[in-house]
Amino acid sequence: MTDDVLSLIWAALGEDRLTTKEASERLDHLFNYRCPDDIAKTLAKLRKSGHVKGEISMEKGGWIWWADEECRQHKEQGSP
């Protein structure tokens, strides 16, 4: 995963907690960018590496995703 894609995803998430669909729509709207991999797979990979956070939301009926300072610092510390 390139740093450019990670930066786009962080910018799209902003300070919000978004569903997978909302994250995909925001990436498309803000950057005219569609993730070449399925966005859910990409976000899951980023969650495993600590670059985003995610959890299942019964209220929203699926996964919600966000990136906080801890996620952004993870990259600065040289984690892949």
Protein backbone atom coordinates (compact mmCIF):
# COMPACT_ATOMS: atom_id res chain seq x y z
CA MET A 1 0.00 0.00 0.00
CA THR A 2 1.45 3.33 -0.98
CA ASP A 3 1.72 6.28 1.34
CA ASP A 4 -0.39 8.24 -1.17
CA VAL A 5 -3.35 5.89 -0.75
CA LEU A 6 -2.99 5.96 3.02
CA SER A 7 -2.93 9.77 2.99
CA LEU A 8 -6.08 9.87 0.82
CA ILE A 9 -7.89 7.49 3.16
CA TRP A 10 -6.85 9.49 6.23
CA ALA A 11 -8.01 12.71 4.58
CA ALA A 12 -11.34 11.14 3.61
CA LEU A 13 -11.93 9.81 7.13
CA GLY A 14 -10.91 13.11 8.69
CA GLU A 15 -12.02 13.16 12.32
CA ASP A 16 -15.20 11.21 11.55
CA ARG A 17 -16.28 7.63 12.09
CA LEU A 18 -17.58 6.39 8.76
CA THR A 19 -19.17 3.22 7.49
CA THR A 20 -17.39 1.38 4.70
CA LYS A 21 -19.90 2.79 2.20
CA GLU A 22 -19.50 6.34 3.53
CA ALA A 23 -15.70 6.09 3.34
CA SER A 24 -15.89 4.86 -0.25
CA GLU A 25 -18.31 7.63 -1.23
CA ARG A 26 -16.17 10.29 0.45
CA LEU A 27 -13.02 9.09 -1.35
CA ASP A 28 -14.88 9.26 -4.66
CA HIS A 29 -16.41 12.68 -3.92
CA LEU A 30 -13.30 14.40 -2.53
CA PHE A 31 -10.63 12.93 -4.75
CA ASN A 32 -12.48 11.22 -7.59
CA TYR A 33 -10.66 8.12 -6.35
CA ARG A 34 -11.97 4.60 -6.24
CA CYS A 35 -9.84 2.14 -4.35
CA PRO A 36 -8.44 -0.39 -6.84
CA ASP A 37 -8.83 -3.09 -4.21
CA ASP A 38 -12.19 -3.49 -2.51
CA ILE A 39 -12.34 -0.67 0.08
CA ALA A 40 -13.40 -3.08 2.83
CA LYS A 41 -10.32 -5.23 2.19
CA THR A 42 -8.07 -2.17 2.12
CA LEU A 43 -9.49 -0.81 5.38
CA ALA A 44 -9.17 -4.23 7.02
CA LYS A 45 -5.49 -4.40 5.98
CA LEU A 46 -4.92 -0.91 7.35
CA ARG A 47 -6.64 -1.87 10.61
CA LYS A 48 -4.38 -4.89 11.03
CA SER A 49 -1.31 -2.72 10.49
CA GLY A 50 -2.56 -0.07 12.94
CA HIS A 51 -3.05 2.70 10.36
CA VAL A 52 -6.83 2.95 10.89
CA LYS A 53 -9.21 1.70 13.52
CA GLY A 54 -12.44 -0.14 12.94
CA GLU A 55 -15.20 -1.91 14.79
CA ILE A 56 -18.55 -3.46 14.08
CA SER A 57 -21.46 -1.14 14.76
CA MET A 58 -24.81 -2.76 15.39
CA GLU A 59 -26.41 0.67 15.06
CA LYS A 60 -24.93 1.28 11.59
CA GLY A 61 -25.26 -2.35 10.54
CA GLY A 62 -21.63 -2.93 9.60
CA TRP A 63 -18.09 -1.76 10.12
CA ILE A 64 -17.20 1.80 11.03
CA TRP A 65 -13.73 3.21 10.45
CA TRP A 66 -11.67 6.11 11.77
CA ALA A 67 -8.10 7.32 12.06
CA ASP A 68 -6.97 9.02 15.24
CA GLU A 69 -3.63 10.49 16.33
CA GLU A 70 -2.40 7.06 17.39
CA CYS A 71 -2.95 5.78 13.84
CA ARG A 72 -1.17 8.74 12.28
CA GLN A 73 1.76 8.44 14.71
CA HIS A 74 2.03 4.75 13.83
CA LYS A 75 3.23 5.75 10.36
CA GLU A 76 5.65 8.37 11.70
CA GLN A 77 7.29 5.72 13.88
CA GLY A 78 8.25 3.82 10.75
CA SER A 79 5.71 1.00 10.90
CA PRO A 80 4.90 -0.51 7.49
